[in-house]
PDB file of N, CA and C in Angstrom:
ATOM      1  N   MET A   1      -3.395  13.288  37.598  1.00  0.00           N
ATOM      2  CA  MET A   1      -2.609  12.165  38.051  1.00  0.00           C
ATOM      3  C   MET A   1      -3.310  11.528  39.252  1.00  0.00           C
ATOM      4  N   VAL A   2      -3.337  10.221  39.266  1.00  0.00           N
ATOM      5  CA  VAL A   2      -3.956   9.476  40.356  1.00  0.00           C
ATOM      6  C   VAL A   2      -2.871   9.078  41.344  1.00  0.00           C
ATOM      7  N   THR A   3      -3.099   9.376  42.615  1.00  0.00           N
ATOM      8  CA  THR A   3      -2.171   8.968  43.659  1.00  0.00           C
ATOM      9  C   THR A   3      -2.841   7.888  44.485  1.00  0.00           C
ATOM     10  N   ARG A   4      -2.146   6.798  44.674  1.00  0.00           N
ATOM     11  CA  ARG A   4      -2.713   5.687  45.437  1.00  0.00           C
ATOM     12  C   ARG A   4      -2.022   5.580  46.789  1.00  0.00           C
ATOM     13  N   SER A   5      -2.809   5.307  47.805  1.00  0.00           N
ATOM     14  CA  SER A   5      -2.212   5.057  49.110  1.00  0.00           C
ATOM     15  C   SER A   5      -1.766   3.599  49.214  1.00  0.00           C
ATOM     16  N   ARG A   6      -2.381   2.728  48.414  1.00  0.00           N
ATOM     17  CA  ARG A   6      -2.020   1.311  48.374  1.00  0.00           C
ATOM     18  C   ARG A   6      -1.675   0.935  46.941  1.00  0.00           C
ATOM     19  N   PRO A   7      -0.465   0.457  46.675  1.00  0.00           N
ATOM     20  CA  PRO A   7      -0.088   0.121  45.304  1.00  0.00           C
ATOM     21  C   PRO A   7      -0.891  -1.030  44.706  1.00  0.00           C
ATOM     22  N   ASP A   8      -1.501  -1.887  45.532  1.00  0.00           N
ATOM     23  CA  ASP A   8      -2.277  -3.006  45.018  1.00  0.00           C
ATOM     24  C   ASP A   8      -3.735  -2.626  44.746  1.00  0.00           C
ATOM     25  N   CYS A   9      -4.088  -1.388  44.956  1.00  0.00           N
ATOM     26  CA  CYS A   9      -5.448  -0.898  44.771  1.00  0.00           C
ATOM     27  C   CYS A   9      -5.741  -0.680  43.284  1.00  0.00           C
ATOM     28  N   ILE A  10      -6.890  -1.123  42.820  1.00  0.00           N
ATOM     29  CA  ILE A  10      -7.305  -0.927  41.431  1.00  0.00           C
ATOM     30  C   ILE A  10      -8.079   0.380  41.345  1.00  0.00           C
ATOM     31  N   VAL A  11      -7.635   1.270  40.463  1.00  0.00           N
ATOM     32  CA  VAL A  11      -8.295   2.562  40.300  1.00  0.00           C
ATOM     33  C   VAL A  11      -9.030   2.549  38.967  1.00  0.00           C
ATOM     34  N   TYR A  12     -10.338   2.770  39.020  1.00  0.00           N
ATOM     35  CA  TYR A  12     -11.115   2.844  37.790  1.00  0.00           C
ATOM     36  C   TYR A  12     -12.345   3.706  38.022  1.00  0.00           C
ATOM     37  N   GLU A  13     -12.904   4.174  36.921  1.00  0.00           N
ATOM     38  CA  GLU A  13     -14.105   4.997  36.970  1.00  0.00           C
ATOM     39  C   GLU A  13     -15.302   4.106  36.675  1.00  0.00           C
ATOM     40  N   VAL A  14     -16.366   4.261  37.434  1.00  0.00           N
ATOM     41  CA  VAL A  14     -17.572   3.477  37.195  1.00  0.00           C
ATOM     42  C   VAL A  14     -18.379   4.183  36.108  1.00  0.00           C
ATOM     43  N   LEU A  15     -18.520   3.514  34.976  1.00  0.00           N
ATOM     44  CA  LEU A  15     -19.251   4.083  33.852  1.00  0.00           C
ATOM     45  C   LEU A  15     -20.672   3.555  33.834  1.00  0.00           C
ATOM     46  N   GLU A  16     -21.592   4.417  33.454  1.00  0.00           N
ATOM     47  CA  GLU A  16     -22.987   4.034  33.269  1.00  0.00           C
ATOM     48  C   GLU A  16     -23.385   4.422  31.848  1.00  0.00           C
ATOM     49  N   PRO A  17     -22.929   3.641  30.868  1.00  0.00           N
ATOM     50  CA  PRO A  17     -23.173   4.031  29.477  1.00  0.00           C
ATOM     51  C   PRO A  17     -24.651   3.987  29.111  1.00  0.00           C
ATOM     52  N   SER A  18     -25.115   5.066  28.476  1.00  0.00           N
ATOM     53  CA  SER A  18     -26.500   5.092  28.021  1.00  0.00           C
ATOM     54  C   SER A  18     -26.561   4.937  26.505  1.00  0.00           C
ATOM     55  N   THR A  19     -25.726   5.662  25.782  1.00  0.00           N
ATOM     56  CA  THR A  19     -25.712   5.544  24.324  1.00  0.00           C
ATOM     57  C   THR A  19     -24.453   4.847  23.822  1.00  0.00           C
ATOM     58  N   ALA A  20     -23.455   4.683  24.677  1.00  0.00           N
ATOM     59  CA  ALA A  20     -22.197   4.048  24.279  1.00  0.00           C
ATOM     60  C   ALA A  20     -22.329   2.529  24.303  1.00  0.00           C
ATOM     61  N   THR A  21     -21.510   1.880  23.500  1.00  0.00           N
ATOM     62  CA  THR A  21     -21.428   0.429  23.474  1.00  0.00           C
ATOM     63  C   THR A  21     -20.239  -0.001  24.318  1.00  0.00           C
ATOM     64  N   VAL A  22     -20.455  -0.956  25.198  1.00  0.00           N
ATOM     65  CA  VAL A  22     -19.367  -1.488  26.019  1.00  0.00           C
ATOM     66  C   VAL A  22     -18.577  -2.477  25.163  1.00  0.00           C
ATOM     67  N   VAL A  23     -17.272  -2.241  25.030  1.00  0.00           N
ATOM     68  CA  VAL A  23     -16.434  -3.143  24.223  1.00  0.00           C
ATOM     69  C   VAL A  23     -15.501  -3.986  25.080  1.00  0.00           C
ATOM     70  N   ALA A  24     -15.340  -3.610  26.360  1.00  0.00           N
ATOM     71  CA  ALA A  24     -14.522  -4.409  27.278  1.00  0.00           C
ATOM     72  C   ALA A  24     -14.997  -4.142  28.699  1.00  0.00           C
ATOM     73  N   ARG A  25     -14.903  -5.177  29.521  1.00  0.00           N
ATOM     74  CA  ARG A  25     -15.275  -5.060  30.941  1.00  0.00           C
ATOM     75  C   ARG A  25     -14.108  -5.495  31.807  1.00  0.00           C
ATOM     76  N   PHE A  26     -14.054  -4.932  33.008  1.00  0.00           N
ATOM     77  CA  PHE A  26     -13.055  -5.367  33.973  1.00  0.00           C
ATOM     78  C   PHE A  26     -13.406  -6.782  34.414  1.00  0.00           C
ATOM     79  N   THR A  27     -12.412  -7.642  34.502  1.00  0.00           N
ATOM     80  CA  THR A  27     -12.650  -9.003  34.973  1.00  0.00           C
ATOM     81  C   THR A  27     -12.148  -9.181  36.402  1.00  0.00           C
ATOM     82  N   ASN A  28     -11.434  -8.184  36.907  1.00  0.00           N
ATOM     83  CA  ASN A  28     -10.839  -8.311  38.239  1.00  0.00           C
ATOM     84  C   ASN A  28     -11.579  -7.513  39.310  1.00  0.00           C
ATOM     85  N   VAL A  29     -12.829  -7.120  39.023  1.00  0.00           N
ATOM     86  CA  VAL A  29     -13.669  -6.463  40.028  1.00  0.00           C
ATOM     87  C   VAL A  29     -15.008  -7.191  40.074  1.00  0.00           C
ATOM     88  N   ALA A  30     -15.663  -7.131  41.217  1.00  0.00           N
ATOM     89  CA  ALA A  30     -16.876  -7.924  41.442  1.00  0.00           C
ATOM     90  C   ALA A  30     -17.998  -7.623  40.455  1.00  0.00           C
ATOM     91  N   ASP A  31     -18.197  -6.341  40.114  1.00  0.00           N
ATOM     92  CA  ASP A  31     -19.342  -6.002  39.259  1.00  0.00           C
ATOM     93  C   ASP A  31     -19.050  -6.054  37.759  1.00  0.00           C
ATOM     94  N   HIS A  32     -17.822  -6.416  37.377  1.00  0.00           N
ATOM     95  CA  HIS A  32     -17.420  -6.465  35.962  1.00  0.00           C
ATOM     96  C   HIS A  32     -17.845  -5.200  35.231  1.00  0.00           C
ATOM     97  N   ALA A  33     -17.515  -4.052  35.828  1.00  0.00           N
ATOM     98  CA  ALA A  33     -17.883  -2.744  35.288  1.00  0.00           C
ATOM     99  C   ALA A  33     -17.268  -2.534  33.908  1.00  0.00           C
ATOM    100  N   PRO A  34     -17.899  -1.682  33.074  1.00  0.00           N
ATOM    101  CA  PRO A  34     -17.322  -1.375  31.765  1.00  0.00           C
ATOM    102  C   PRO A  34     -15.929  -0.774  31.895  1.00  0.00           C
ATOM    103  N   ALA A  35     -14.997  -1.260  31.089  1.00  0.00           N
ATOM    104  CA  ALA A  35     -13.627  -0.750  31.093  1.00  0.00           C
ATOM    105  C   ALA A  35     -13.381   0.151  29.887  1.00  0.00           C
ATOM    106  N   VAL A  36     -13.982  -0.212  28.743  1.00  0.00           N
ATOM    107  CA  VAL A  36     -13.831   0.568  27.520  1.00  0.00           C
ATOM    108  C   VAL A  36     -15.197   0.679  26.855  1.00  0.00           C
ATOM    109  N   THR A  37     -15.543   1.912  26.458  1.00  0.00           N
ATOM    110  CA  THR A  37     -16.784   2.136  25.729  1.00  0.00           C
ATOM    111  C   THR A  37     -16.472   2.872  24.435  1.00  0.00           C
ATOM    112  N   ILE A  38     -17.385   2.741  23.471  1.00  0.00           N
ATOM    113  CA  ILE A  38     -17.268   3.462  22.204  1.00  0.00           C
ATOM    114  C   ILE A  38     -18.621   4.091  21.907  1.00  0.00           C
ATOM    115  N   ASN A  39     -18.574   5.332  21.438  1.00  0.00           N
ATOM    116  CA  ASN A  39     -19.795   6.078  21.164  1.00  0.00           C
ATOM    117  C   ASN A  39     -19.602   6.881  19.887  1.00  0.00           C
ATOM    118  N   LYS A  40     -20.646   6.986  19.087  1.00  0.00           N
ATOM    119  CA  LYS A  40     -20.588   7.831  17.887  1.00  0.00           C
ATOM    120  C   LYS A  40     -20.456   9.278  18.327  1.00  0.00           C
ATOM    121  N   PHE A  41     -19.580  10.011  17.641  1.00  0.00           N
ATOM    122  CA  PHE A  41     -19.389  11.425  17.952  1.00  0.00           C
ATOM    123  C   PHE A  41     -19.075  12.147  16.651  1.00  0.00           C
ATOM    124  N   GLY A  42     -19.987  12.993  16.205  1.00  0.00           N
ATOM    125  CA  GLY A  42     -19.786  13.671  14.921  1.00  0.00           C
ATOM    126  C   GLY A  42     -19.663  12.652  13.811  1.00  0.00           C
ATOM    127  N   LYS A  43     -18.599  12.766  13.020  1.00  0.00           N
ATOM    128  CA  LYS A  43     -18.368  11.830  11.921  1.00  0.00           C
ATOM    129  C   LYS A  43     -17.520  10.644  12.351  1.00  0.00           C
ATOM    130  N   GLY A  44     -17.137  10.595  13.634  1.00  0.00           N
ATOM    131  CA  GLY A  44     -16.258   9.528  14.100  1.00  0.00           C
ATOM    132  C   GLY A  44     -16.783   8.827  15.322  1.00  0.00           C
ATOM    133  N   ASN A  45     -15.857   8.320  16.105  1.00  0.00           N
ATOM    134  CA  ASN A  45     -16.180   7.596  17.325  1.00  0.00           C
ATOM    135  C   ASN A  45     -15.349   8.138  18.474  1.00  0.00           C
ATOM    136  N   ALA A  46     -15.926   8.100  19.653  1.00  0.00           N
ATOM    137  CA  ALA A  46     -15.195   8.455  20.871  1.00  0.00           C
ATOM    138  C   ALA A  46     -15.007   7.168  21.660  1.00  0.00           C
ATOM    139  N   ILE A  47     -13.774   6.881  22.044  1.00  0.00           N
ATOM    140  CA  ILE A  47     -13.465   5.684  22.813  1.00  0.00           C
ATOM    141  C   ILE A  47     -12.991   6.132  24.178  1.00  0.00           C
ATOM    142  N   TYR A  48     -13.557   5.528  25.227  1.00  0.00           N
ATOM    143  CA  TYR A  48     -13.251   5.953  26.592  1.00  0.00           C
ATOM    144  C   TYR A  48     -12.685   4.783  27.390  1.00  0.00           C
ATOM    145  N   LEU A  49     -11.534   5.008  28.005  1.00  0.00           N
ATOM    146  CA  LEU A  49     -10.884   4.027  28.868  1.00  0.00           C
ATOM    147  C   LEU A  49     -11.114   4.451  30.306  1.00  0.00           C
ATOM    148  N   ALA A  50     -11.737   3.599  31.104  1.00  0.00           N
ATOM    149  CA  ALA A  50     -12.160   3.966  32.460  1.00  0.00           C
ATOM    150  C   ALA A  50     -11.139   3.624  33.534  1.00  0.00           C
ATOM    151  N   THR A  51      -9.876   3.614  33.190  1.00  0.00           N
ATOM    152  CA  THR A  51      -8.834   3.328  34.168  1.00  0.00           C
ATOM    153  C   THR A  51      -7.566   4.085  33.800  1.00  0.00           C
ATOM    154  N   GLU A  52      -6.536   3.900  34.602  1.00  0.00           N
ATOM    155  CA  GLU A  52      -5.260   4.553  34.319  1.00  0.00           C
ATOM    156  C   GLU A  52      -4.721   4.094  32.965  1.00  0.00           C
ATOM    157  N   SER A  53      -4.043   4.975  32.288  1.00  0.00           N
ATOM    158  CA  SER A  53      -3.519   4.638  30.964  1.00  0.00           C
ATOM    159  C   SER A  53      -2.115   4.056  31.070  1.00  0.00           C
ATOM    160  N   ASN A  54      -2.045   2.843  31.597  1.00  0.00           N
ATOM    161  CA  ASN A  54      -0.750   2.166  31.696  1.00  0.00           C
ATOM    162  C   ASN A  54      -0.579   1.233  30.494  1.00  0.00           C
ATOM    163  N   PRO A  55       0.637   0.790  30.217  1.00  0.00           N
ATOM    164  CA  PRO A  55       0.888  -0.027  29.030  1.00  0.00           C
ATOM    165  C   PRO A  55       0.021  -1.282  28.923  1.00  0.00           C
ATOM    166  N   SER A  56      -0.304  -1.914  30.043  1.00  0.00           N
ATOM    167  CA  SER A  56      -1.104  -3.144  29.959  1.00  0.00           C
ATOM    168  C   SER A  56      -2.534  -2.864  29.505  1.00  0.00           C
ATOM    169  N   ALA A  57      -3.019  -1.649  29.714  1.00  0.00           N
ATOM    170  CA  ALA A  57      -4.364  -1.277  29.256  1.00  0.00           C
ATOM    171  C   ALA A  57      -4.326  -0.643  27.867  1.00  0.00           C
ATOM    172  N   ILE A  58      -3.350   0.213  27.633  1.00  0.00           N
ATOM    173  CA  ILE A  58      -3.285   0.955  26.376  1.00  0.00           C
ATOM    174  C   ILE A  58      -2.912   0.071  25.188  1.00  0.00           C
ATOM    175  N   GLY A  59      -1.991  -0.884  25.370  1.00  0.00           N
ATOM    176  CA  GLY A  59      -1.572  -1.741  24.252  1.00  0.00           C
ATOM    177  C   GLY A  59      -2.738  -2.439  23.566  1.00  0.00           C
ATOM    178  N   PRO A  60      -3.527  -3.225  24.302  1.00  0.00           N
ATOM    179  CA  PRO A  60      -4.670  -3.894  23.676  1.00  0.00           C
ATOM    180  C   PRO A  60      -5.704  -2.907  23.131  1.00  0.00           C
ATOM    181  N   LEU A  61      -5.891  -1.780  23.815  1.00  0.00           N
ATOM    182  CA  LEU A  61      -6.848  -0.782  23.341  1.00  0.00           C
ATOM    183  C   LEU A  61      -6.393  -0.190  22.007  1.00  0.00           C
ATOM    184  N   MET A  62      -5.106   0.122  21.881  1.00  0.00           N
ATOM    185  CA  MET A  62      -4.589   0.676  20.627  1.00  0.00           C
ATOM    186  C   MET A  62      -4.705  -0.349  19.491  1.00  0.00           C
ATOM    187  N   ASN A  63      -4.488  -1.620  19.789  1.00  0.00           N
ATOM    188  CA  ASN A  63      -4.672  -2.668  18.776  1.00  0.00           C
ATOM    189  C   ASN A  63      -6.120  -2.701  18.305  1.00  0.00           C
ATOM    190  N   TYR A  64      -7.059  -2.578  19.244  1.00  0.00           N
ATOM    191  CA  TYR A  64      -8.488  -2.563  18.908  1.00  0.00           C
ATOM    192  C   TYR A  64      -8.816  -1.345  18.048  1.00  0.00           C
ATOM    193  N   ILE A  65      -8.308  -0.170  18.433  1.00  0.00           N
ATOM    194  CA  ILE A  65      -8.569   1.062  17.673  1.00  0.00           C
ATOM    195  C   ILE A  65      -8.007   0.931  16.259  1.00  0.00           C
ATOM    196  N   ASP A  66      -6.803   0.400  16.131  1.00  0.00           N
ATOM    197  CA  ASP A  66      -6.222   0.193  14.801  1.00  0.00           C
ATOM    198  C   ASP A  66      -7.127  -0.693  13.952  1.00  0.00           C
ATOM    199  N   THR A  67      -7.673  -1.741  14.551  1.00  0.00           N
ATOM    200  CA  THR A  67      -8.531  -2.674  13.827  1.00  0.00           C
ATOM    201  C   THR A  67      -9.804  -1.990  13.344  1.00  0.00           C
ATOM    202  N   ILE A  68     -10.504  -1.286  14.235  1.00  0.00           N
ATOM    203  CA  ILE A  68     -11.770  -0.675  13.817  1.00  0.00           C
ATOM    204  C   ILE A  68     -11.558   0.504  12.874  1.00  0.00           C
ATOM    205  N   ALA A  69     -10.375   1.127  12.926  1.00  0.00           N
ATOM    206  CA  ALA A  69     -10.070   2.252  12.033  1.00  0.00           C
ATOM    207  C   ALA A  69      -9.468   1.780  10.711  1.00  0.00           C
ATOM    208  N   GLY A  70      -9.183   0.477  10.592  1.00  0.00           N
ATOM    209  CA  GLY A  70      -8.615  -0.054   9.369  1.00  0.00           C
ATOM    210  C   GLY A  70      -7.147   0.278   9.182  1.00  0.00           C
ATOM    211  N   ILE A  71      -6.443   0.554  10.273  1.00  0.00           N
ATOM    212  CA  ILE A  71      -5.023   0.893  10.200  1.00  0.00           C
ATOM    213  C   ILE A  71      -4.204  -0.391  10.152  1.00  0.00           C
ATOM    214  N   GLN A  72      -3.370  -0.494   9.141  1.00  0.00           N
ATOM    215  CA  GLN A  72      -2.505  -1.660   8.991  1.00  0.00           C
ATOM    216  C   GLN A  72      -1.180  -1.412   9.704  1.00  0.00           C
ATOM    217  N   PRO A  73      -0.600  -2.421  10.333  1.00  0.00           N
ATOM    218  CA  PRO A  73       0.700  -2.226  10.989  1.00  0.00           C
ATOM    219  C   PRO A  73       1.760  -1.845   9.960  1.00  0.00           C
ATOM    220  N   GLY A  74       2.651  -0.964  10.353  1.00  0.00           N
ATOM    221  CA  GLY A  74       3.742  -0.538   9.482  1.00  0.00           C
ATOM    222  C   GLY A  74       4.893  -1.517   9.541  1.00  0.00           C
ATOM    223  N   PRO A  75       5.952  -1.208   8.815  1.00  0.00           N
ATOM    224  CA  PRO A  75       7.136  -2.078   8.823  1.00  0.00           C
ATOM    225  C   PRO A  75       7.741  -2.180  10.221  1.00  0.00           C
ATOM    226  N   LYS A  76       8.278  -3.343  10.540  1.00  0.00           N
ATOM    227  CA  LYS A  76       8.960  -3.547  11.827  1.00  0.00           C
ATOM    228  C   LYS A  76      10.282  -2.792  11.804  1.00  0.00           C
ATOM    229  N   THR A  77      10.561  -2.070  12.870  1.00  0.00           N
ATOM    230  CA  THR A  77      11.785  -1.283  12.962  1.00  0.00           C
ATOM    231  C   THR A  77      12.383  -1.421  14.356  1.00  0.00           C
ATOM    232  N   PRO A  78      13.674  -1.156  14.491  1.00  0.00           N
ATOM    233  CA  PRO A  78      14.271  -1.180  15.824  1.00  0.00           C
ATOM    234  C   PRO A  78      13.837   0.030  16.650  1.00  0.00           C
ATOM    235  N   GLU A  79      14.104  -0.018  17.939  1.00  0.00           N
ATOM    236  CA  GLU A  79      13.778   1.077  18.862  1.00  0.00           C
ATOM    237  C   GLU A  79      14.346   2.389  18.332  1.00  0.00           C
ATOM    238  N   GLY A  80      13.517   3.432  18.282  1.00  0.00           N
ATOM    239  CA  GLY A  80      13.977   4.747  17.855  1.00  0.00           C
ATOM    240  C   GLY A  80      13.898   4.997  16.366  1.00  0.00           C
ATOM    241  N   VAL A  81      13.542   3.977  15.582  1.00  0.00           N
ATOM    242  CA  VAL A  81      13.396   4.134  14.137  1.00  0.00           C
ATOM    243  C   VAL A  81      11.924   3.947  13.785  1.00  0.00           C
ATOM    244  N   TYR A  82      11.391   4.891  13.051  1.00  0.00           N
ATOM    245  CA  TYR A  82       9.986   4.845  12.663  1.00  0.00           C
ATOM    246  C   TYR A  82       9.880   4.752  11.157  1.00  0.00           C
ATOM    247  N   ALA A  83       8.865   4.032  10.670  1.00  0.00           N
ATOM    248  CA  ALA A  83       8.661   3.866   9.236  1.00  0.00           C
ATOM    249  C   ALA A  83       7.213   4.167   8.900  1.00  0.00           C
ATOM    250  N   ARG A  84       7.030   4.758   7.732  1.00  0.00           N
ATOM    251  CA  ARG A  84       5.688   5.084   7.272  1.00  0.00           C
ATOM    252  C   ARG A  84       5.640   4.846   5.770  1.00  0.00           C
ATOM    253  N   VAL A  85       4.568   4.205   5.309  1.00  0.00           N
ATOM    254  CA  VAL A  85       4.384   3.962   3.884  1.00  0.00           C
ATOM    255  C   VAL A  85       3.488   5.060   3.334  1.00  0.00           C
ATOM    256  N   VAL A  86       4.010   5.799   2.343  1.00  0.00           N
ATOM    257  CA  VAL A  86       3.270   6.885   1.703  1.00  0.00           C
ATOM    258  C   VAL A  86       3.372   6.700   0.194  1.00  0.00           C
ATOM    259  N   ASP A  87       2.235   6.602  -0.473  1.00  0.00           N
ATOM    260  CA  ASP A  87       2.199   6.446  -1.930  1.00  0.00           C
ATOM    261  C   ASP A  87       3.099   5.311  -2.414  1.00  0.00           C
ATOM    262  N   GLY A  88       3.091   4.201  -1.693  1.00  0.00           N
ATOM    263  CA  GLY A  88       3.858   3.032  -2.089  1.00  0.00           C
ATOM    264  C   GLY A  88       5.340   3.074  -1.740  1.00  0.00           C
ATOM    265  N   ARG A  89       5.799   4.156  -1.138  1.00  0.00           N
ATOM    266  CA  ARG A  89       7.200   4.270  -0.728  1.00  0.00           C
ATOM    267  C   ARG A  89       7.281   4.203   0.786  1.00  0.00           C
ATOM    268  N   THR A  90       8.315   3.572   1.288  1.00  0.00           N
ATOM    269  CA  THR A  90       8.500   3.483   2.732  1.00  0.00           C
ATOM    270  C   THR A  90       9.553   4.492   3.160  1.00  0.00           C
ATOM    271  N   LEU A  91       9.184   5.355   4.087  1.00  0.00           N
ATOM    272  CA  LEU A  91      10.085   6.379   4.615  1.00  0.00           C
ATOM    273  C   LEU A  91      10.536   5.952   6.004  1.00  0.00           C
ATOM    274  N   TYR A  92      11.838   6.025   6.263  1.00  0.00           N
ATOM    275  CA  TYR A  92      12.396   5.659   7.560  1.00  0.00           C
ATOM    276  C   TYR A  92      12.990   6.902   8.215  1.00  0.00           C
ATOM    277  N   VAL A  93      12.739   7.055   9.511  1.00  0.00           N
ATOM    278  CA  VAL A  93      13.291   8.175  10.273  1.00  0.00           C
ATOM    279  C   VAL A  93      13.955   7.612  11.522  1.00  0.00           C
ATOM    280  N   ASN A  94      15.231   7.948  11.704  1.00  0.00           N
ATOM    281  CA  ASN A  94      15.974   7.530  12.883  1.00  0.00           C
ATOM    282  C   ASN A  94      15.921   8.672  13.898  1.00  0.00           C
ATOM    283  N   THR A  95      15.209   8.469  15.004  1.00  0.00           N
ATOM    284  CA  THR A  95      15.089   9.514  16.030  1.00  0.00           C
ATOM    285  C   THR A  95      16.054   9.306  17.178  1.00  0.00           C
ATOM    286  N   SER A  96      16.841   8.246  17.105  1.00  0.00           N
ATOM    287  CA  SER A  96      17.802   7.987  18.178  1.00  0.00           C
ATOM    288  C   SER A  96      19.030   8.891  17.979  1.00  0.00           C
ATOM    289  N   GLN A  97      19.869   8.944  18.952  1.00  0.00           N
ATOM    290  CA  GLN A  97      21.087   9.757  18.884  1.00  0.00           C
ATOM    291  C   GLN A  97      22.283   8.954  18.388  1.00  0.00           C
ATOM    292  N   GLN A  98      22.029   7.791  17.808  1.00  0.00           N
ATOM    293  CA  GLN A  98      23.128   6.942  17.373  1.00  0.00           C
ATOM    294  C   GLN A  98      22.820   6.296  16.027  1.00  0.00           C
ATOM    295  N   THR A  99      23.854   5.767  15.423  1.00  0.00           N
ATOM    296  CA  THR A  99      23.703   5.048  14.162  1.00  0.00           C
ATOM    297  C   THR A  99      22.941   3.755  14.427  1.00  0.00           C
ATOM    298  N   VAL A 100      22.004   3.449  13.559  1.00  0.00           N
ATOM    299  CA  VAL A 100      21.191   2.245  13.704  1.00  0.00           C
ATOM    300  C   VAL A 100      21.287   1.450  12.410  1.00  0.00           C
ATOM    301  N   SER A 101      21.496   0.158  12.522  1.00  0.00           N
ATOM    302  CA  SER A 101      21.474  -0.689  11.334  1.00  0.00           C
ATOM    303  C   SER A 101      20.492  -1.828  11.568  1.00  0.00           C
ATOM    304  N   PHE A 102      19.834  -2.235  10.503  1.00  0.00           N
ATOM    305  CA  PHE A 102      18.894  -3.347  10.582  1.00  0.00           C
ATOM    306  C   PHE A 102      18.672  -3.893   9.188  1.00  0.00           C
ATOM    307  N   LEU A 103      18.081  -5.084   9.099  1.00  0.00           N
ATOM    308  CA  LEU A 103      17.816  -5.709   7.810  1.00  0.00           C
ATOM    309  C   LEU A 103      16.505  -5.179   7.263  1.00  0.00           C
ATOM    310  N   LEU A 104      16.510  -4.856   5.983  1.00  0.00           N
ATOM    311  CA  LEU A 104      15.362  -4.285   5.308  1.00  0.00           C
ATOM    312  C   LEU A 104      14.940  -5.227   4.200  1.00  0.00           C
ATOM    313  N   MET A 105      13.694  -5.655   4.218  1.00  0.00           N
ATOM    314  CA  MET A 105      13.184  -6.531   3.165  1.00  0.00           C
ATOM    315  C   MET A 105      12.713  -5.678   1.993  1.00  0.00           C
ATOM    316  N   VAL A 106      13.229  -5.962   0.803  1.00  0.00           N
ATOM    317  CA  VAL A 106      12.855  -5.239  -0.402  1.00  0.00           C
ATOM    318  C   VAL A 106      12.172  -6.218  -1.341  1.00  0.00           C
ATOM    319  N   GLN A 107      10.950  -5.897  -1.741  1.00  0.00           N
ATOM    320  CA  GLN A 107      10.201  -6.777  -2.629  1.00  0.00           C
ATOM    321  C   GLN A 107      10.589  -6.509  -4.080  1.00  0.00           C
ATOM    322  N   GLY A 108      10.927  -7.552  -4.795  1.00  0.00           N
ATOM    323  CA  GLY A 108      11.256  -7.441  -6.211  1.00  0.00           C
ATOM    324  C   GLY A 108      10.205  -8.148  -7.040  1.00  0.00           C
ATOM    325  N   LYS A 109      10.537  -8.398  -8.268  1.00  0.00           N
ATOM    326  CA  LYS A 109       9.607  -9.097  -9.152  1.00  0.00           C
ATOM    327  C   LYS A 109       9.597 -10.572  -8.796  1.00  0.00           C
ATOM    328  N   GLY A 110       8.697 -10.935  -7.938  1.00  0.00           N
ATOM    329  CA  GLY A 110       8.566 -12.325  -7.546  1.00  0.00           C
ATOM    330  C   GLY A 110       9.622 -12.821  -6.584  1.00  0.00           C
ATOM    331  N   SER A 111      10.482 -11.952  -6.088  1.00  0.00           N
ATOM    332  CA  SER A 111      11.514 -12.394  -5.155  1.00  0.00           C
ATOM    333  C   SER A 111      11.738 -11.328  -4.090  1.00  0.00           C
ATOM    334  N   SER A 112      12.461 -11.689  -3.059  1.00  0.00           N
ATOM    335  CA  SER A 112      12.781 -10.775  -1.983  1.00  0.00           C
ATOM    336  C   SER A 112      14.276 -10.730  -1.792  1.00  0.00           C
ATOM    337  N   ALA A 113      14.775  -9.601  -1.334  1.00  0.00           N
ATOM    338  CA  ALA A 113      16.203  -9.458  -1.035  1.00  0.00           C
ATOM    339  C   ALA A 113      16.348  -8.841   0.337  1.00  0.00           C
ATOM    340  N   ILE A 114      17.387  -9.208   1.057  1.00  0.00           N
ATOM    341  CA  ILE A 114      17.667  -8.607   2.369  1.00  0.00           C
ATOM    342  C   ILE A 114      18.777  -7.591   2.178  1.00  0.00           C
ATOM    343  N   VAL A 115      18.493  -6.350   2.534  1.00  0.00           N
ATOM    344  CA  VAL A 115      19.447  -5.250   2.335  1.00  0.00           C
ATOM    345  C   VAL A 115      19.755  -4.622   3.681  1.00  0.00           C
ATOM    346  N   PRO A 116      21.050  -4.518   4.047  1.00  0.00           N
ATOM    347  CA  PRO A 116      21.352  -3.830   5.308  1.00  0.00           C
ATOM    348  C   PRO A 116      21.146  -2.321   5.132  1.00  0.00           C
ATOM    349  N   MET A 117      20.562  -1.675   6.142  1.00  0.00           N
ATOM    350  CA  MET A 117      20.330  -0.228   6.085  1.00  0.00           C
ATOM    351  C   MET A 117      21.048   0.407   7.252  1.00  0.00           C
ATOM    352  N   MET A 118      21.808   1.440   6.988  1.00  0.00           N
ATOM    353  CA  MET A 118      22.558   2.090   8.045  1.00  0.00           C
ATOM    354  C   MET A 118      22.391   3.590   7.928  1.00  0.00           C
ATOM    355  N   GLU A 119      22.126   4.228   9.047  1.00  0.00           N
ATOM    356  CA  GLU A 119      22.020   5.693   9.109  1.00  0.00           C
ATOM    357  C   GLU A 119      23.419   6.276   8.950  1.00  0.00           C
ATOM    358  N   PRO A 120      23.651   7.246   8.014  1.00  0.00           N
ATOM    359  CA  PRO A 120      25.001   7.792   7.833  1.00  0.00           C
ATOM    360  C   PRO A 120      25.459   8.611   9.021  1.00  0.00           C
TER     361      PRO A 120
END
């Protein structure tokens, strides 16, 4: 955990990539140091974020990782409900402690229907 004496202070690690590719740089520091690097590792890639993992940094990074990994966004769901498509079927899991209802789009033969879904 990083502790700051000044809340307006930017905390980041200065990277000196030798084999890694720089995919993003800091724009709010004088030297525009690398912010995100990617490097081949085994059969995959290692991605390194050189700053604190706060939502403003992680959100765009996760979008980038999804893109390079070929991950397609799943169905839109309300807070606490997760959906996953497996073998052409969509599975929904309600992890909240309450009943959740939302509109579910069901694809038919050339048409769409809106079906309300409610956790029993």
